[in-house]
């Protein structure tokens, strides 16, 4: 959605590039620190990504905000 490279995500989240690459290549449960995941989530939210909780009909998802944070 943002068309960010792993390097850009690393810069924006302040999580090391090797950590992001390891997370991207992981299969199954993610094995990473809560701090790293929270930094990445915050960077994505700051850039306009909205995380959507699952409900009884649909699973979780993401969408791009129209303009910044609301």
C-alpha atoms as a PDB file:
ATOM      1  CA  UNK A   1       0.000   0.000   0.000  1.00  0.00           C
ATOM      2  CA  UNK A   2       2.807   2.387   0.818  1.00  0.00           C
ATOM      3  CA  UNK A   3       5.260   0.895  -1.702  1.00  0.00           C
ATOM      4  CA  UNK A   4       8.001   0.965   0.929  1.00  0.00           C
ATOM      5  CA  UNK A   5      11.079  -1.182   0.634  1.00  0.00           C
ATOM      6  CA  UNK A   6      12.328  -3.125   3.639  1.00  0.00           C
ATOM      7  CA  UNK A   7      15.061  -0.488   3.922  1.00  0.00           C
ATOM      8  CA  UNK A   8      12.488   2.328   4.060  1.00  0.00           C
ATOM      9  CA  UNK A   9      10.467   0.457   6.706  1.00  0.00           C
ATOM     10  CA  UNK A  10      13.664  -0.024   8.685  1.00  0.00           C
ATOM     11  CA  UNK A  11      14.426   3.684   8.539  1.00  0.00           C
ATOM     12  CA  UNK A  12      10.891   4.753   9.436  1.00  0.00           C
ATOM     13  CA  UNK A  13      10.454   2.243  12.272  1.00  0.00           C
ATOM     14  CA  UNK A  14      14.014   2.277  13.628  1.00  0.00           C
ATOM     15  CA  UNK A  15      14.051  -1.526  13.483  1.00  0.00           C
ATOM     16  CA  UNK A  16      17.162  -3.030  11.920  1.00  0.00           C
ATOM     17  CA  UNK A  17      16.987  -4.169   8.312  1.00  0.00           C
ATOM     18  CA  UNK A  18      18.093  -7.739   9.168  1.00  0.00           C
ATOM     19  CA  UNK A  19      15.278  -7.959  11.740  1.00  0.00           C
ATOM     20  CA  UNK A  20      12.693  -6.831   9.191  1.00  0.00           C
ATOM     21  CA  UNK A  21      14.049  -9.251   6.590  1.00  0.00           C
ATOM     22  CA  UNK A  22      13.886 -12.093   9.118  1.00  0.00           C
ATOM     23  CA  UNK A  23      10.309 -11.160  10.002  1.00  0.00           C
ATOM     24  CA  UNK A  24       9.310 -11.016   6.322  1.00  0.00           C
ATOM     25  CA  UNK A  25      10.756 -14.465   5.673  1.00  0.00           C
ATOM     26  CA  UNK A  26       9.178 -16.105   8.708  1.00  0.00           C
ATOM     27  CA  UNK A  27       6.646 -18.886   8.270  1.00  0.00           C
ATOM     28  CA  UNK A  28       4.069 -19.540  10.939  1.00  0.00           C
ATOM     29  CA  UNK A  29       4.175 -17.641  14.198  1.00  0.00           C
ATOM     30  CA  UNK A  30       6.307 -14.530  14.198  1.00  0.00           C
ATOM     31  CA  UNK A  31       9.295 -14.742  16.512  1.00  0.00           C
ATOM     32  CA  UNK A  32      10.298 -11.185  17.227  1.00  0.00           C
ATOM     33  CA  UNK A  33      10.309  -8.838  20.178  1.00  0.00           C
ATOM     34  CA  UNK A  34       7.112  -7.032  21.059  1.00  0.00           C
ATOM     35  CA  UNK A  35       9.090  -3.792  20.887  1.00  0.00           C
ATOM     36  CA  UNK A  36      10.069  -4.389  17.242  1.00  0.00           C
ATOM     37  CA  UNK A  37       6.525  -5.263  16.221  1.00  0.00           C
ATOM     38  CA  UNK A  38       5.154  -2.185  18.000  1.00  0.00           C
ATOM     39  CA  UNK A  39       7.723   0.093  16.316  1.00  0.00           C
ATOM     40  CA  UNK A  40       6.777  -1.260  12.896  1.00  0.00           C
ATOM     41  CA  UNK A  41       3.059  -0.951  13.603  1.00  0.00           C
ATOM     42  CA  UNK A  42       3.509   2.655  14.756  1.00  0.00           C
ATOM     43  CA  UNK A  43       5.558   3.575  11.667  1.00  0.00           C
ATOM     44  CA  UNK A  44       2.867   2.120   9.402  1.00  0.00           C
ATOM     45  CA  UNK A  45       0.082   3.890  11.280  1.00  0.00           C
ATOM     46  CA  UNK A  46       2.000   7.180  11.125  1.00  0.00           C
ATOM     47  CA  UNK A  47       2.219   6.716   7.344  1.00  0.00           C
ATOM     48  CA  UNK A  48      -1.550   6.245   7.047  1.00  0.00           C
ATOM     49  CA  UNK A  49      -2.157   2.521   7.419  1.00  0.00           C
ATOM     50  CA  UNK A  50      -5.229   1.586   9.482  1.00  0.00           C
ATOM     51  CA  UNK A  51      -5.345  -1.850  11.105  1.00  0.00           C
ATOM     52  CA  UNK A  52      -8.823  -3.379  11.187  1.00  0.00           C
ATOM     53  CA  UNK A  53      -9.843  -5.853  13.884  1.00  0.00           C
ATOM     54  CA  UNK A  54     -11.630  -9.019  12.871  1.00  0.00           C
ATOM     55  CA  UNK A  55     -15.319  -9.404  13.571  1.00  0.00           C
ATOM     56  CA  UNK A  56     -17.751 -12.308  13.449  1.00  0.00           C
ATOM     57  CA  UNK A  57     -17.914 -12.228   9.618  1.00  0.00           C
ATOM     58  CA  UNK A  58     -14.497 -11.034   8.435  1.00  0.00           C
ATOM     59  CA  UNK A  59     -10.914 -11.569   9.461  1.00  0.00           C
ATOM     60  CA  UNK A  60      -8.442  -8.822  10.360  1.00  0.00           C
ATOM     61  CA  UNK A  61      -7.154  -6.497   7.676  1.00  0.00           C
ATOM     62  CA  UNK A  62      -5.564  -3.186   6.770  1.00  0.00           C
ATOM     63  CA  UNK A  63      -6.569  -0.195   4.723  1.00  0.00           C
ATOM     64  CA  UNK A  64      -5.033   3.119   3.724  1.00  0.00           C
ATOM     65  CA  UNK A  65      -6.488   6.179   5.416  1.00  0.00           C
ATOM     66  CA  UNK A  66      -7.766   8.932   3.142  1.00  0.00           C
ATOM     67  CA  UNK A  67      -5.620  11.589   4.766  1.00  0.00           C
ATOM     68  CA  UNK A  68      -3.271  11.109   7.683  1.00  0.00           C
ATOM     69  CA  UNK A  69      -4.337   9.948  11.123  1.00  0.00           C
ATOM     70  CA  UNK A  70      -7.829  10.550  12.369  1.00  0.00           C
END
